[in-house]
Amino acid sequence: MGEAVEIFYPNGFSKICNGTTKNQPPVDETRQFDSWYEEEIDEDLKWSFALKSVLYKGSSEYQDIALLDTKRFGKVLVIDGKMQSAEVDEFIYHECLIHPALLFHSNPKTVFIMGGGEGSAAREALRHKFIDEVVMCDIDEEVVNFCRRYLTVNRDAFCNKKLNLVINDAKAELEKRTEKFDIIVGDLADPVEGGPCYQLYTKSFYEKILKPKLNENGIFVTQAGPAGIFTHKEVFSSIYHTIRQVFKYVLAYTAHVPSFADTWGWVMV
């Protein structure tokens, strides 16, 4: 039998798996890893990554947090057992989320980001020098502080004077604000029923709270979850059709994100 391999789970549990069986040929030692991160994509599908190390594991009031150093994708941020971004390819997700809206708008000056605690969406928005203010509103201060400390790629964004960091529920924050924005961004977890972000994907929210906070010619864009041939019905299609009930012109677009092992979707109005 080969050496046992430990499967790491973000909830603190682990499972030991044998690296080889009696009938397998010897495995190249350079390909042996002590531990793996494993994420369940579906009940019959799992996605695993060889780990160099577990950099951090902890919990906030709202969610579990882990920072992993993986062999293939570099540092990986995991929240509630789901990969949020990977160092090697997070730029694909965040560039697709931010730049189309900012380039479509004729003269964007203000941006409101719902969620976005890791700072990457703000980083991309702040690349546009004509932006006057980026408001990033995330409910979980511990996640924000964690990302500010460990995700060094976003350090300059967190220190930028144009960034207004607010710790609050995005729905409540939009409701109480009197100003309007040129761009509103949804950088939130998928709308799992009963989850903390579900209310931010409803027709009522789009119609009564978000739409009135857009300036004339303002643009709203949101991440919309997996959008592959076999996964688009999970949330992508419902997000698109919900937004179409509120806004006249709606554009859906997609890109492949390797660390997500799927095509990802965004919806812009």
Protein backbone atom coordinates (compact mmCIF):
# COMPACT_ATOMS: atom_id res chain seq x y z
CA MET A 1 0.00 0.00 0.00
CA GLY A 2 1.17 3.54 -0.68
CA GLU A 3 1.38 6.29 1.92
CA ALA A 4 -1.92 7.64 3.22
CA VAL A 5 -3.03 11.01 1.96
CA GLU A 6 -5.02 13.35 4.17
CA ILE A 7 -8.05 15.06 2.65
CA PHE A 8 -8.58 18.46 4.31
CA TYR A 9 -12.09 19.83 4.78
CA PRO A 10 -12.63 23.53 5.66
CA ASN A 11 -15.00 22.56 8.49
CA GLY A 12 -12.06 21.08 10.32
CA PHE A 13 -12.68 17.42 9.51
CA SER A 14 -10.35 15.31 7.44
CA LYS A 15 -10.36 11.96 5.71
CA ILE A 16 -7.36 9.73 5.12
CA CYS A 17 -7.15 8.25 1.64
CA ASN A 18 -4.63 5.72 0.39
CA GLY A 19 -2.39 7.07 -2.32
CA THR A 20 -1.94 3.71 -4.08
CA THR A 21 -3.37 0.20 -3.97
CA LYS A 22 -1.68 -3.18 -4.05
CA ASN A 23 -2.17 -3.54 -7.81
CA GLN A 24 -1.02 -0.05 -8.80
CA PRO A 25 2.46 0.65 -10.17
CA PRO A 26 4.81 2.80 -8.07
CA VAL A 27 3.95 6.51 -8.18
CA ASP A 28 6.53 9.18 -8.90
CA GLU A 29 7.51 10.56 -5.50
CA THR A 30 7.55 14.13 -6.88
CA ARG A 31 3.77 13.80 -7.35
CA GLN A 32 3.03 12.77 -3.76
CA PHE A 33 1.33 15.34 -1.55
CA ASP A 34 0.57 15.13 2.16
CA SER A 35 -2.87 16.72 2.02
CA TRP A 36 -5.65 17.76 -0.33
CA TYR A 37 -8.51 20.24 -0.25
CA GLU A 38 -11.74 18.64 -1.42
CA GLU A 39 -14.93 20.49 -2.36
CA GLU A 40 -18.21 18.81 -3.18
CA ILE A 41 -19.58 20.20 -6.44
CA ASP A 42 -22.54 17.83 -6.46
CA GLU A 43 -23.53 14.69 -4.59
CA ASP A 44 -21.65 12.60 -7.16
CA LEU A 45 -18.88 15.06 -8.08
CA LYS A 46 -15.94 16.40 -6.09
CA TRP A 47 -13.10 18.76 -7.01
CA SER A 48 -9.80 18.40 -5.14
CA PHE A 49 -6.52 20.32 -5.00
CA ALA A 50 -3.12 19.25 -3.74
CA LEU A 51 -2.12 21.48 -0.83
CA LYS A 52 1.24 22.89 0.09
CA SER A 53 -0.14 24.09 3.40
CA VAL A 54 -3.16 25.39 5.29
CA LEU A 55 -2.32 29.03 6.00
CA TYR A 56 -5.36 29.84 8.13
CA LYS A 57 -8.61 28.35 9.41
CA GLY A 58 -11.14 30.24 11.49
CA SER A 59 -14.72 31.37 11.89
CA SER A 60 -16.46 34.73 11.99
CA GLU A 61 -19.95 35.52 13.25
CA TYR A 62 -21.33 34.74 9.80
CA GLN A 63 -19.11 32.14 8.13
CA ASP A 64 -16.12 29.81 8.21
CA ILE A 65 -12.91 31.07 6.59
CA ALA A 66 -9.86 29.25 5.27
CA LEU A 67 -6.80 30.35 3.32
CA LEU A 68 -5.04 27.48 1.55
CA ASP A 69 -1.80 27.39 -0.38
CA THR A 70 -2.46 25.02 -3.29
CA LYS A 71 -0.01 23.47 -5.70
CA ARG A 72 -1.97 24.40 -8.87
CA PHE A 73 -3.76 27.69 -8.09
CA GLY A 74 -1.64 29.38 -5.41
CA LYS A 75 -3.40 30.94 -2.42
CA VAL A 76 -7.11 30.04 -2.36
CA LEU A 77 -9.76 31.77 -0.26
CA VAL A 78 -12.46 29.35 0.96
CA ILE A 79 -15.63 30.52 2.74
CA ASP A 80 -18.15 28.07 4.15
CA GLY A 81 -16.44 25.23 2.32
CA LYS A 82 -16.72 26.92 -1.09
CA MET A 83 -13.83 28.36 -3.05
CA GLN A 84 -14.25 32.10 -3.52
CA SER A 85 -11.13 32.94 -5.47
CA ALA A 86 -7.72 31.59 -6.38
CA GLU A 87 -4.56 33.62 -6.68
CA VAL A 88 -3.71 32.39 -10.18
CA ASP A 89 -7.00 33.15 -11.95
CA GLU A 90 -9.20 35.38 -9.76
CA PHE A 91 -8.50 38.19 -12.22
CA ILE A 92 -10.83 36.50 -14.74
CA TYR A 93 -13.83 36.70 -12.42
CA HIS A 94 -13.13 40.21 -11.13
CA GLU A 95 -12.23 41.77 -14.48
CA CYS A 96 -15.43 40.36 -15.99
CA LEU A 97 -17.43 41.66 -13.04
CA ILE A 98 -16.09 45.21 -13.09
CA HIS A 99 -14.67 46.38 -16.43
CA PRO A 100 -17.59 45.84 -18.85
CA ALA A 101 -19.88 48.08 -16.78
CA LEU A 102 -17.26 50.79 -16.33
CA LEU A 103 -16.40 50.76 -20.02
CA PHE A 104 -20.05 50.82 -21.14
CA HIS A 105 -20.86 53.83 -18.96
CA SER A 106 -20.09 57.17 -20.58
CA ASN A 107 -18.76 58.90 -17.45
CA PRO A 108 -18.77 56.76 -14.29
CA LYS A 109 -17.71 58.53 -11.11
CA THR A 110 -19.22 56.53 -8.25
CA VAL A 111 -19.34 52.77 -7.62
CA PHE A 112 -21.21 50.85 -4.91
CA ILE A 113 -20.06 47.25 -4.35
CA MET A 114 -22.40 44.92 -2.50
CA GLY A 115 -20.16 42.39 -0.78
CA GLY A 116 -16.68 42.16 -2.26
CA GLY A 117 -14.99 41.71 1.11
CA GLU A 118 -11.77 40.32 -0.31
CA GLY A 119 -11.10 43.67 -2.02
CA SER A 120 -10.55 42.38 -5.55
CA ALA A 121 -13.64 44.04 -7.07
CA ALA A 122 -12.62 47.35 -5.51
CA ARG A 123 -9.08 46.86 -6.84
CA GLU A 124 -10.34 46.51 -10.40
CA ALA A 125 -12.72 49.49 -10.11
CA LEU A 126 -9.92 51.68 -8.76
CA ARG A 127 -7.82 50.97 -11.85
CA HIS A 128 -10.10 53.47 -13.60
CA LYS A 129 -8.54 56.83 -12.73
CA PHE A 130 -11.71 58.82 -13.46
CA ILE A 131 -13.56 57.13 -10.57
CA ASP A 132 -14.09 59.49 -7.62
CA GLU A 133 -15.40 57.04 -5.02
CA VAL A 134 -15.81 53.30 -4.54
CA VAL A 135 -18.09 52.25 -1.68
CA MET A 136 -17.51 48.64 -0.66
CA CYS A 137 -20.20 47.35 1.68
CA ASP A 138 -19.65 43.94 3.27
CA ILE A 139 -21.44 42.54 6.29
CA ASP A 140 -18.52 40.52 7.69
CA GLU A 141 -15.79 42.67 9.22
CA GLU A 142 -13.66 39.66 10.14
CA VAL A 143 -13.51 38.47 6.53
CA VAL A 144 -12.61 41.98 5.37
CA ASN A 145 -9.84 42.29 7.97
CA PHE A 146 -8.62 38.80 7.14
CA CYS A 147 -8.39 39.60 3.42
CA ARG A 148 -6.75 42.97 4.09
CA ARG A 149 -4.05 41.15 6.05
CA TYR A 150 -3.44 38.05 3.94
CA LEU A 151 -4.38 38.93 0.34
CA THR A 152 -1.40 41.17 -0.36
CA VAL A 153 -2.43 41.70 -3.99
CA ASN A 154 -5.26 43.95 -2.72
CA ARG A 155 -3.26 45.90 -0.14
CA ASP A 156 -3.05 49.05 -2.29
CA ALA A 157 -6.79 48.96 -2.94
CA PHE A 158 -7.59 48.83 0.78
CA CYS A 159 -5.28 51.82 1.34
CA ASN A 160 -6.67 53.87 -1.55
CA LYS A 161 -8.24 57.15 -0.42
CA LYS A 162 -11.06 56.71 -2.93
CA LEU A 163 -12.24 53.53 -1.19
CA ASN A 164 -15.01 53.99 1.37
CA LEU A 165 -15.24 50.73 3.31
CA VAL A 166 -18.56 50.14 5.08
CA ILE A 167 -19.36 47.19 7.35
CA ASN A 168 -23.09 46.64 7.01
CA ASP A 169 -25.76 44.61 5.27
CA ALA A 170 -25.77 45.89 1.67
CA LYS A 171 -29.57 46.03 1.51
CA ALA A 172 -29.80 48.12 4.68
CA GLU A 173 -26.96 50.38 3.52
CA LEU A 174 -28.57 51.12 0.16
CA GLU A 175 -31.93 51.75 1.81
CA LYS A 176 -30.57 54.40 4.16
CA ARG A 177 -28.36 56.25 1.67
CA THR A 178 -29.75 59.32 -0.08
CA GLU A 179 -27.20 59.50 -2.90
CA LYS A 180 -27.34 57.58 -6.16
CA PHE A 181 -24.54 55.73 -7.96
CA ASP A 182 -23.32 55.40 -11.53
CA ILE A 183 -22.40 51.74 -11.05
CA ILE A 184 -23.79 49.21 -8.56
CA VAL A 185 -22.01 45.85 -8.36
CA GLY A 186 -23.25 42.59 -6.83
CA ASP A 187 -20.18 40.64 -5.67
CA LEU A 188 -22.13 38.28 -3.45
CA ALA A 189 -22.47 34.59 -2.69
CA ASP A 190 -24.99 32.66 -4.77
CA PRO A 191 -28.67 33.05 -3.78
CA VAL A 192 -29.15 29.89 -1.77
CA GLU A 193 -32.63 29.98 -0.22
CA GLY A 194 -32.33 30.86 3.43
CA GLY A 195 -28.75 32.05 2.92
CA PRO A 196 -27.51 35.53 3.90
CA CYS A 197 -27.50 36.86 0.33
CA TYR A 198 -30.82 35.48 -0.90
CA GLN A 199 -32.74 38.72 -0.35
CA LEU A 200 -30.27 40.61 -2.56
CA TYR A 201 -31.36 38.63 -5.63
CA THR A 202 -35.13 39.13 -5.41
CA LYS A 203 -37.39 41.09 -7.74
CA SER A 204 -38.53 43.21 -4.82
CA PHE A 205 -34.96 44.20 -3.96
CA TYR A 206 -34.06 45.05 -7.56
CA GLU A 207 -37.24 47.03 -8.12
CA LYS A 208 -37.76 48.87 -4.83
CA ILE A 209 -34.25 49.36 -3.45
CA LEU A 210 -31.54 48.93 -6.08
CA LYS A 211 -33.07 50.53 -9.17
CA PRO A 212 -33.95 53.82 -7.41
CA LYS A 213 -30.29 54.12 -6.29
CA LEU A 214 -28.95 54.18 -9.87
CA ASN A 215 -28.24 57.53 -11.48
CA GLU A 216 -29.70 58.23 -14.90
CA ASN A 217 -27.84 55.95 -17.32
CA GLY A 218 -26.54 54.03 -14.31
CA ILE A 219 -25.47 50.40 -14.70
CA PHE A 220 -26.03 47.43 -12.41
CA VAL A 221 -23.95 44.27 -12.75
CA THR A 222 -23.95 41.12 -10.65
CA GLN A 223 -22.16 37.83 -10.52
CA ALA A 224 -24.69 35.13 -11.44
CA GLY A 225 -23.10 31.83 -10.51
CA PRO A 226 -22.15 28.80 -12.62
CA ALA A 227 -23.28 29.15 -16.23
CA GLY A 228 -22.08 25.96 -17.88
CA ILE A 229 -24.17 23.63 -20.02
CA PHE A 230 -24.95 21.42 -17.02
CA THR A 231 -24.97 24.08 -14.28
CA HIS A 232 -26.72 27.17 -15.63
CA LYS A 233 -30.07 26.15 -14.14
CA GLU A 234 -28.70 26.23 -10.58
CA VAL A 235 -28.93 30.03 -10.21
CA PHE A 236 -27.76 31.71 -13.43
CA SER A 237 -31.01 31.36 -15.36
CA SER A 238 -33.19 32.43 -12.44
CA ILE A 239 -31.05 35.50 -11.73
CA TYR A 240 -31.23 36.54 -15.38
CA HIS A 241 -35.00 36.08 -15.63
CA THR A 242 -35.62 37.86 -12.31
CA ILE A 243 -33.62 40.89 -13.43
CA ARG A 244 -35.49 40.93 -16.75
CA GLN A 245 -38.72 41.50 -14.85
CA VAL A 246 -37.34 44.80 -13.54
CA PHE A 247 -35.01 46.19 -16.22
CA LYS A 248 -35.74 46.64 -19.91
CA TYR A 249 -32.29 45.92 -21.31
CA VAL A 250 -30.42 42.98 -19.80
CA LEU A 251 -27.15 41.43 -20.95
CA ALA A 252 -25.79 38.07 -19.79
CA TYR A 253 -22.19 37.06 -20.44
CA THR A 254 -19.88 34.24 -19.38
CA ALA A 255 -16.23 33.20 -19.09
CA HIS A 256 -14.42 30.05 -18.07
CA VAL A 257 -12.72 30.18 -14.66
CA PRO A 258 -10.28 27.23 -14.33
CA SER A 259 -10.22 27.09 -10.53
CA PHE A 260 -14.04 26.94 -10.47
CA ALA A 261 -13.93 24.04 -12.96
CA ASP A 262 -16.81 25.67 -14.82
CA THR A 263 -18.05 28.54 -16.93
CA TRP A 264 -19.13 31.49 -14.77
CA GLY A 265 -21.87 34.01 -15.49
CA TRP A 266 -22.59 37.71 -14.98
CA VAL A 267 -25.68 39.79 -15.71
CA MET A 268 -25.54 43.50 -16.54
CA VAL A 269 -28.30 46.07 -17.09
